[in-house]
Amino acid sequence: MSVPKAAFDAAPASAGSEAERIEFAGALLGQATGDDPIITGGSAIYLHAPGLEPSLDVDISCPRAKATGVVESWGFQRRSGRVWR
């Protein structure tokens, strides 16, 4: 299922917290790819211990072949290797 850029852009505004914004990113990617992405790294730790300082990035593990087209459609550009901005 496709998730339009407008839906991705609107998600942070409807989130009540940084943890919800991270969860929305993973959920929207999962909806768009049909997979169950896994939030990893500092973002995953923050979801379980929200009193900590949040990570400045979101690490999400999912099949690259499906995720590449989705994140490109949301306006992200590959910077190097697995880094997108």
Protein backbone atom coordinates (compact mmCIF):
# COMPACT_ATOMS: atom_id res chain seq x y z
CA MET A 1 0.00 0.00 0.00
CA SER A 2 1.26 3.45 -0.83
CA VAL A 3 1.62 6.15 1.80
CA PRO A 4 1.67 9.59 0.16
CA LYS A 5 4.28 12.17 1.13
CA ALA A 6 1.51 14.40 2.53
CA ALA A 7 0.54 11.66 5.01
CA PHE A 8 4.18 11.21 6.04
CA ASP A 9 4.63 14.98 6.44
CA ALA A 10 1.44 15.29 8.53
CA ALA A 11 2.33 12.52 11.00
CA PRO A 12 4.74 14.50 13.21
CA ALA A 13 2.15 17.23 13.78
CA SER A 14 -0.34 14.72 15.12
CA ALA A 15 2.18 13.03 17.43
CA GLY A 16 2.01 13.94 21.07
CA SER A 17 5.63 13.12 21.81
CA GLU A 18 9.01 12.31 20.29
CA ALA A 19 8.32 8.63 20.95
CA GLU A 20 5.10 8.81 18.93
CA ARG A 21 6.93 10.48 16.03
CA ILE A 22 9.43 7.62 15.97
CA GLU A 23 6.62 5.06 16.13
CA PHE A 24 4.73 6.83 13.30
CA ALA A 25 7.82 6.70 11.07
CA GLY A 26 8.09 2.93 11.55
CA ALA A 27 4.35 2.37 11.19
CA LEU A 28 4.08 4.41 7.99
CA LEU A 29 7.07 2.62 6.48
CA GLY A 30 5.48 -0.70 7.40
CA GLN A 31 2.18 0.34 5.88
CA ALA A 32 3.90 1.45 2.68
CA THR A 33 6.08 -1.65 2.29
CA GLY A 34 3.71 -4.30 3.66
CA ASP A 35 6.47 -5.44 6.03
CA ASP A 36 7.03 -5.15 9.76
CA PRO A 37 9.99 -2.79 10.13
CA ILE A 38 12.02 -2.89 13.32
CA ILE A 39 13.06 0.31 15.07
CA THR A 40 16.63 -0.18 16.29
CA GLY A 41 19.49 1.74 17.87
CA GLY A 42 19.06 4.80 20.04
CA SER A 43 15.47 5.28 18.88
CA ALA A 44 14.50 1.83 20.17
CA ILE A 45 16.11 2.56 23.54
CA TYR A 46 14.28 5.89 23.73
CA LEU A 47 10.92 4.17 23.12
CA HIS A 48 11.51 2.01 26.18
CA ALA A 49 13.09 4.73 28.33
CA PRO A 50 11.51 8.03 27.22
CA GLY A 51 13.19 9.97 30.04
CA LEU A 52 16.48 9.74 28.16
CA GLU A 53 17.60 12.24 25.56
CA PRO A 54 16.17 11.16 22.18
CA SER A 55 18.46 10.14 19.35
CA LEU A 56 18.78 12.65 16.52
CA ASP A 57 18.08 9.97 13.93
CA VAL A 58 15.73 7.05 13.49
CA ASP A 59 17.20 3.63 12.70
CA ILE A 60 14.71 1.32 11.03
CA SER A 61 15.46 -2.15 9.72
CA CYS A 62 13.35 -3.47 6.84
CA PRO A 63 13.85 -4.93 3.36
CA ARG A 64 15.91 -2.35 1.45
CA ALA A 65 14.42 -3.17 -1.94
CA LYS A 66 10.94 -2.17 -0.77
CA ALA A 67 11.96 0.72 1.50
CA THR A 68 14.14 2.54 -1.04
CA GLY A 69 11.29 3.60 -3.31
CA VAL A 70 9.12 4.59 -0.35
CA VAL A 71 11.66 6.85 1.34
CA GLU A 72 12.58 8.41 -2.01
CA SER A 73 8.89 9.22 -2.61
CA TRP A 74 8.86 10.96 0.79
CA GLY A 75 11.71 13.22 -0.34
CA PHE A 76 14.67 11.52 1.34
CA GLN A 77 17.92 11.25 -0.59
CA ARG A 78 20.62 8.66 -0.08
CA ARG A 79 23.73 10.31 1.36
CA SER A 80 25.97 7.26 1.63
CA GLY A 81 25.42 3.55 2.10
CA ARG A 82 22.41 3.22 4.40
CA VAL A 83 22.19 6.91 5.33
CA TRP A 84 19.19 8.88 4.10
CA ARG A 85 18.26 12.52 4.79
